[in-house]
Protein backbone atom coordinates (compact mmCIF):
# COMPACT_ATOMS: atom_id res chain seq x y z
CA MET A 1 86.16 102.63 89.15
CA ILE A 2 87.60 99.94 92.12
CA GLU A 3 90.44 97.41 90.25
CA SER A 4 89.85 93.67 90.20
CA ILE A 5 92.19 91.77 92.54
CA THR A 6 93.12 88.09 90.81
CA THR A 7 94.68 85.27 92.37
CA PRO A 8 95.69 82.01 90.33
CA THR A 9 92.25 80.34 90.65
CA TYR A 10 90.02 83.06 90.67
CA ALA A 11 89.12 86.94 90.86
CA ILE A 12 87.30 89.26 92.94
CA HIS A 13 85.93 92.17 91.43
CA PHE A 14 83.97 95.26 92.45
CA ASN A 15 81.06 97.41 91.58
CA GLU A 16 80.45 98.21 87.88
CA ASN A 17 83.38 95.14 87.00
CA ALA A 18 81.38 92.54 88.78
CA TYR A 19 78.36 92.98 86.90
CA ALA A 20 80.38 93.37 83.60
CA ALA A 21 82.80 89.68 84.83
CA LEU A 22 79.68 88.18 85.43
CA ASN A 23 77.70 88.79 82.26
CA GLY A 24 81.14 87.92 80.45
CA TYR A 25 80.97 84.62 82.21
CA LEU A 26 77.89 83.69 82.43
CA GLU A 27 77.50 83.98 78.47
CA GLN A 28 80.60 81.58 77.94
CA ALA A 29 80.03 78.80 80.99
CA ASN A 30 77.13 77.56 79.10
CA HIS A 31 76.07 76.44 82.86
CA SER A 32 73.16 73.36 82.38
CA LYS A 33 71.07 75.36 85.22
CA ILE A 34 71.97 78.03 87.80
CA PHE A 35 70.66 78.45 90.95
CA ILE A 36 70.73 81.47 92.94
CA LEU A 37 71.15 80.89 97.03
CA VAL A 38 69.77 83.78 99.17
CA ASP A 39 68.05 84.13 102.56
CA GLU A 40 64.77 85.92 103.50
CA ASN A 41 66.58 89.13 103.78
CA THR A 42 68.64 88.92 100.72
CA HIS A 43 65.68 87.63 98.54
CA GLU A 44 63.88 90.75 99.48
CA ASN A 45 66.91 93.68 99.87
CA CYS A 46 69.45 92.07 97.40
CA LEU A 47 68.13 89.62 94.54
CA PRO A 48 65.52 92.55 92.92
CA LYS A 49 68.94 94.61 92.75
CA PHE A 50 71.00 91.40 91.23
CA MET A 51 68.80 90.54 88.81
CA ALA A 52 68.54 93.83 87.61
CA GLN A 53 72.28 94.08 86.47
CA LEU A 54 72.00 90.75 84.39
CA THR A 55 71.96 90.83 80.71
CA GLY A 56 71.44 87.72 78.50
CA GLU A 57 68.61 84.61 78.36
CA HIS A 58 69.35 82.87 81.67
CA ASP A 59 66.93 80.81 83.64
CA PHE A 60 67.40 81.02 87.21
CA GLU A 61 65.96 79.37 90.09
CA ILE A 62 65.65 80.86 93.54
CA ILE A 63 66.68 78.76 96.48
CA GLU A 64 65.89 80.03 99.77
CA ILE A 65 67.15 79.20 103.42
CA GLU A 66 66.40 80.90 106.92
CA SER A 67 68.83 83.50 107.72
CA GLY A 68 71.38 83.60 110.88
CA GLU A 69 74.03 81.50 112.40
CA VAL A 70 71.69 78.97 113.99
CA HIS A 71 70.92 77.89 110.58
CA LYS A 72 74.23 77.00 109.31
CA ASN A 73 74.50 73.77 109.90
CA ILE A 74 74.18 70.38 108.03
CA HIS A 75 70.57 70.43 108.32
CA THR A 76 70.04 73.41 106.39
CA CYS A 77 72.57 72.06 103.83
CA THR A 78 70.67 68.87 103.22
CA GLN A 79 67.62 70.70 102.68
CA VAL A 80 69.68 72.75 99.95
CA TRP A 81 70.71 69.41 98.35
CA GLU A 82 67.00 68.02 98.28
CA VAL A 83 65.96 71.00 96.31
CA LEU A 84 68.88 70.73 94.02
CA SER A 85 68.21 67.50 93.31
CA GLU A 86 64.86 67.99 92.98
CA LEU A 87 65.08 70.95 90.12
CA GLY A 88 67.56 68.62 88.02
CA ALA A 89 71.08 70.21 89.31
CA ASP A 90 73.62 68.28 87.52
CA ARG A 91 77.62 68.89 87.37
CA LYS A 92 77.72 71.23 85.17
CA SER A 93 75.14 73.49 87.35
CA LEU A 94 76.28 76.67 88.86
CA LEU A 95 75.31 77.97 92.66
CA ILE A 96 75.61 81.69 92.98
CA ASN A 97 75.37 82.88 96.74
CA LEU A 98 74.07 85.99 97.65
CA GLY A 99 74.10 86.59 100.72
CA GLY A 100 76.50 87.23 104.08
CA GLY A 101 78.64 85.09 105.69
CA VAL A 102 76.39 82.33 106.36
CA VAL A 103 75.27 81.94 102.89
CA THR A 104 78.55 81.90 101.24
CA ASP A 105 79.88 79.66 103.80
CA LEU A 106 76.92 77.47 103.59
CA GLY A 107 76.69 77.97 99.76
CA GLY A 108 80.56 77.21 99.21
CA PHE A 109 80.03 73.67 101.17
CA VAL A 110 76.75 72.83 99.38
CA ALA A 111 78.49 73.29 96.04
CA SER A 112 81.60 71.76 96.92
CA ALA A 113 79.73 68.50 98.16
CA TYR A 114 77.10 68.41 95.69
CA LYS A 115 77.98 65.77 93.07
CA ARG A 116 81.45 66.12 94.33
CA GLY A 117 81.23 69.40 93.55
CA ILE A 118 79.73 71.90 91.30
CA ALA A 119 81.05 75.76 90.53
CA PHE A 120 79.80 78.47 92.70
CA ILE A 121 80.09 82.32 93.05
CA ASN A 122 80.48 84.09 95.56
CA VAL A 123 78.27 87.36 96.08
CA PRO A 124 78.43 88.72 99.26
CA THR A 125 75.77 91.11 100.74
CA THR A 126 77.14 92.10 104.17
CA LEU A 127 80.50 94.04 105.08
CA LEU A 128 81.85 91.01 107.09
CA ALA A 129 81.30 88.53 104.09
CA MET A 130 83.16 91.17 101.72
CA VAL A 131 85.96 91.59 103.93
CA ASP A 132 86.38 87.88 104.99
CA ALA A 133 83.47 85.53 104.61
CA SER A 134 83.71 85.28 100.89
CA VAL A 135 87.26 85.38 100.02
CA GLY A 136 89.82 82.59 100.39
CA GLY A 137 88.02 79.42 99.51
CA LYS A 138 86.93 78.36 103.39
CA THR A 139 83.50 76.62 103.15
CA GLY A 140 81.74 75.04 106.05
CA VAL A 141 78.94 74.57 108.74
CA ASP A 142 78.91 74.57 112.28
CA LEU A 143 78.40 71.49 114.72
CA GLY A 144 75.85 72.07 116.63
CA ALA A 145 77.10 75.77 118.82
CA LEU A 146 80.74 74.81 117.67
CA LYS A 147 82.03 77.23 114.47
CA ASN A 148 82.77 75.80 111.01
CA GLN A 149 83.75 72.41 112.28
CA ILE A 150 82.87 70.75 109.04
CA GLY A 151 83.87 71.85 105.97
CA PHE A 152 86.12 72.33 102.60
CA ILE A 153 88.64 74.93 101.52
CA ASN A 154 87.31 75.19 97.82
CA GLN A 155 87.66 78.18 95.48
CA PRO A 156 84.67 80.35 93.87
CA LYS A 157 84.82 80.99 90.12
CA MET A 158 84.71 84.43 91.10
CA VAL A 159 83.68 86.85 94.06
CA LEU A 160 81.82 90.23 93.21
CA VAL A 161 81.87 92.91 95.56
CA VAL A 162 78.80 95.39 94.97
CA SER A 163 79.05 97.97 97.53
CA ASN A 164 75.65 99.40 97.30
CA PHE A 165 74.20 96.03 98.92
CA LEU A 166 76.03 97.80 102.30
CA ASP A 167 73.11 100.43 102.04
CA THR A 168 70.20 97.00 103.05
CA LEU A 169 72.32 97.19 106.51
CA GLU A 170 71.55 97.98 109.67
CA GLU A 171 74.48 99.95 111.77
CA ARG A 172 75.06 97.09 114.00
CA GLN A 173 75.83 94.55 111.03
CA LEU A 174 78.10 97.20 109.11
CA ASN A 175 79.95 97.47 112.88
CA SER A 176 80.43 93.54 112.79
CA GLY A 177 81.93 93.62 109.59
CA PHE A 178 84.55 96.80 110.69
CA ALA A 179 85.84 94.32 113.24
CA GLU A 180 87.58 92.04 110.73
CA MET A 181 88.84 95.25 109.10
CA LEU A 182 90.37 96.37 112.16
CA LYS A 183 91.65 93.15 112.62
CA HIS A 184 93.37 93.38 109.41
CA GLY A 185 95.40 96.26 110.55
CA LEU A 186 96.32 95.21 113.75
CA ILE A 187 98.17 91.73 112.31
CA GLN A 188 99.42 93.29 108.67
CA ASP A 189 99.35 96.95 108.89
CA ARG A 190 99.66 99.66 111.82
CA ASP A 191 98.97 102.75 109.29
CA TYR A 192 95.57 101.18 108.59
CA TRP A 193 94.88 100.27 112.02
CA THR A 194 95.41 104.12 112.76
CA GLN A 195 93.18 104.62 109.88
CA LEU A 196 90.15 102.76 110.78
CA ARG A 197 90.37 103.58 114.48
CA ASN A 198 89.81 107.02 113.87
CA MET A 199 86.79 107.19 110.99
CA GLN A 200 83.81 108.46 112.74
CA SER A 201 81.57 106.88 110.11
CA LEU A 202 81.72 104.02 107.73
CA ILE A 203 80.00 105.81 105.19
CA GLY A 204 82.67 105.89 101.67
CA ILE A 205 83.88 103.22 102.65
CA GLU A 206 84.55 101.11 99.21
CA GLY A 207 88.35 101.27 98.70
CA LEU A 208 88.89 100.26 102.37
CA ILE A 209 86.85 97.17 101.47
CA ARG A 210 89.39 96.59 99.28
CA HIS A 211 92.53 96.96 101.03
CA SER A 212 91.31 94.71 103.68
CA VAL A 213 90.56 91.99 100.55
CA VAL A 214 94.26 92.26 99.45
CA ILE A 215 95.41 91.99 102.76
CA LYS A 216 93.61 88.65 103.03
CA ASN A 217 94.37 87.48 100.02
CA GLU A 218 97.88 87.97 100.04
CA VAL A 219 97.79 85.84 103.27
CA VAL A 220 96.17 83.50 101.72
CA LEU A 221 98.21 83.17 98.74
CA GLN A 222 101.16 82.44 100.53
CA ASP A 223 98.93 79.50 102.39
CA PRO A 224 96.15 78.82 101.16
CA THR A 225 95.82 75.43 103.27
CA GLU A 226 96.44 77.45 106.68
CA GLN A 227 99.59 75.44 107.62
CA HIS A 228 101.28 78.72 108.86
CA LEU A 229 100.93 82.01 108.19
CA ARG A 230 97.55 81.86 107.27
CA LYS A 231 96.62 81.19 110.56
CA ILE A 232 97.04 85.01 111.53
CA LEU A 233 93.84 85.80 110.16
CA ASN A 234 92.33 83.86 113.61
CA PHE A 235 93.52 86.51 115.84
CA GLY A 236 90.92 87.45 118.12
CA HIS A 237 88.98 84.51 116.98
CA THR A 238 90.14 81.72 119.08
CA LEU A 239 88.73 82.92 122.30
CA GLY A 240 86.15 84.84 119.84
CA HIS A 241 84.50 81.98 118.31
CA ALA A 242 84.31 80.34 121.76
CA VAL A 243 82.28 83.32 122.99
CA GLU A 244 79.94 83.52 119.65
CA SER A 245 79.46 79.43 120.40
CA TYR A 246 78.64 80.10 123.63
CA PHE A 247 76.17 83.02 123.36
CA LEU A 248 74.46 81.01 120.14
CA GLU A 249 73.69 78.25 122.27
CA SER A 250 72.56 80.17 125.60
CA GLU A 251 69.24 80.81 126.68
CA THR A 252 70.07 83.43 128.78
CA HIS A 253 72.02 85.68 126.80
CA GLU A 254 71.15 87.72 123.67
CA LEU A 255 73.21 86.53 120.53
CA LEU A 256 76.50 88.10 119.37
CA LEU A 257 77.17 88.92 116.35
CA HIS A 258 80.60 87.26 114.97
CA GLY A 259 82.07 90.76 114.66
CA GLU A 260 81.06 91.61 118.32
CA ALA A 261 82.34 88.36 119.68
CA ILE A 262 85.54 88.73 117.81
CA THR A 263 86.04 92.23 119.08
CA VAL A 264 86.52 90.64 122.96
CA GLY A 265 88.31 88.24 121.46
CA MET A 266 90.79 90.68 120.29
CA VAL A 267 90.81 92.61 123.54
CA LEU A 268 91.39 89.24 125.58
CA GLU A 269 94.02 87.92 122.96
CA ALA A 270 96.04 91.68 123.06
CA TRP A 271 96.41 91.26 126.89
CA LEU A 272 98.14 87.69 126.63
CA SER A 273 100.48 89.47 124.11
CA ASN A 274 100.98 92.05 126.32
CA GLN A 275 101.78 89.20 129.11
CA LEU A 276 103.31 87.02 126.59
CA GLU A 277 104.68 88.43 123.37
CA GLY A 278 106.08 91.79 124.59
CA LEU A 279 102.84 93.92 122.88
CA PRO A 280 103.43 97.39 124.17
CA THR A 281 101.33 98.71 127.03
CA ALA A 282 100.19 101.51 125.06
CA ASP A 283 99.35 99.38 121.98
CA LEU A 284 97.41 97.08 124.60
CA GLU A 285 95.45 100.25 125.96
CA ASP A 286 94.69 101.27 122.36
CA ILE A 287 93.39 98.37 121.34
CA LYS A 288 90.71 98.02 124.56
CA ALA A 289 89.91 101.62 123.92
CA THR A 290 88.85 101.22 120.62
CA PHE A 291 86.84 98.39 120.74
CA VAL A 292 85.16 99.03 123.97
CA GLY A 293 84.51 102.50 122.48
CA ARG A 294 83.03 101.40 119.49
CA TYR A 295 81.30 97.85 120.48
CA GLY A 296 80.98 98.51 124.06
CA LYS A 297 81.57 95.99 126.67
CA THR A 298 80.21 92.22 127.61
CA HIS A 299 79.42 90.85 130.61
CA PHE A 300 80.84 87.75 131.94
CA SER A 301 80.13 85.85 135.12
CA GLU A 302 82.43 83.35 136.58
CA SER A 303 80.54 80.19 135.24
CA ASP A 304 80.38 82.03 131.74
CA ILE A 305 84.23 82.34 131.49
CA GLU A 306 84.48 78.45 132.63
CA ALA A 307 81.92 77.65 129.78
CA ILE A 308 83.44 79.50 127.34
CA LEU A 309 87.21 78.38 128.36
CA ALA A 310 85.82 74.35 127.90
CA LEU A 311 84.96 75.20 123.96
CA LEU A 312 88.44 76.40 123.31
CA LYS A 313 89.24 72.19 123.01
CA PHE A 314 87.19 72.50 119.65
CA ASP A 315 89.04 75.12 118.27
CA LYS A 316 90.10 74.42 114.72
CA LYS A 317 93.68 75.54 115.22
CA ASN A 318 94.24 72.97 117.87
CA SER A 319 96.79 70.05 117.11
CA HIS A 320 98.01 67.60 119.60
CA GLY A 321 95.42 68.28 121.83
CA ASN A 322 96.83 71.91 122.27
CA ILE A 323 95.00 75.08 122.20
CA ASN A 324 97.05 77.97 119.59
CA PHE A 325 96.73 80.86 119.39
CA VAL A 326 97.47 83.75 117.08
CA LEU A 327 99.12 86.72 119.39
CA LEU A 328 100.79 90.36 118.46
CA LYS A 329 104.19 90.94 119.22
CA GLN A 330 103.20 94.68 117.98
CA ILE A 331 100.74 95.75 115.88
CA GLY A 332 101.28 94.49 112.22
CA GLU A 333 103.47 91.84 113.72
CA PRO A 334 101.72 89.02 114.56
CA SER A 335 103.42 85.67 116.04
CA ILE A 336 101.26 81.76 115.40
CA ASP A 337 100.98 79.07 117.41
CA VAL A 338 101.05 80.33 121.40
CA GLN A 339 99.93 78.18 124.07
CA ILE A 340 98.49 79.40 126.95
CA ASP A 341 97.83 78.32 130.74
CA SER A 342 94.43 78.40 131.49
CA GLN A 343 95.00 80.68 134.57
CA LEU A 344 96.29 83.67 132.43
CA LEU A 345 93.21 82.93 129.98
CA ARG A 346 91.28 84.00 133.06
CA LYS A 347 93.47 87.01 134.12
CA ALA A 348 92.64 88.33 130.43
CA PHE A 349 88.95 88.00 131.29
CA ALA A 350 89.56 90.09 134.34
CA TYR A 351 91.28 92.73 132.34
CA TYR A 352 88.64 93.10 129.56
CA MET A 353 85.95 93.21 132.37
CA LEU A 354 88.11 96.04 134.17
């Protein structure tokens, strides 16, 4: 049995503990109405498993949104708010977000804004959401192709990590989430990085999911509103989010999953770390070989690179007109708020494509 993780405001429960905690909560909380937010994939593949584990007499209303990052926007939120209103949701209602990062991010935002805030619970069904999106209280939606520009930091009542939902995922989705786990090793734990990079298969990953959640949770506890330390969780994300946004709005490129874009960002920012923060060259080469070996290499034309760099001005970590990066002094030792000349950024892309 995997031990729950407690924070000052909520708990993260795993597998059997998750359903026991949820059933106990629903029995005591006396919510006026309970809504479950799903997309078409989790509606079909995860909702039946989830409902089969619930006990007690509760009325549930199911709200379905379309899957994918392209639907993580304020228009989708408006549709969900309208459905909540039509179905009589009041301030004592509960929203359970059953899905990947789009569902948990958007659902948390919907709940935080509806009637100035109703309770919500996150039940992540992808590896990415289990180790990242559902933990830490960040909610939000994209503004056009710009990632997570609108949102709140607001904590759920609980997070339920049930590993058998991973059985519903394609390997590409699993690998997308695994990228965030590798990031946790790079920013906090060299031994964890080494363990993960040597894994040939993601079978039996449950205990490692908890270790990633512990790493993220400990960072968030020290800096819940991302004033200082929590910024380290954005390693690879400054350039990675720009890459993801560019591919999201491009008519000629295939979409990149979040984790796939972040692996590009981590290689780019590892090279910058080598140039500016003294990350050893051997570590840089290890990082590049690990990500390129597992995820392949994305091709960028000169026009692609210029468009990606232009998107950096929208990064959420920017302040006073400066673009701030998280870099590595060494594996397990990050530095924050590093500002970088645009010519050096172009050289980082040249290194990535070597």
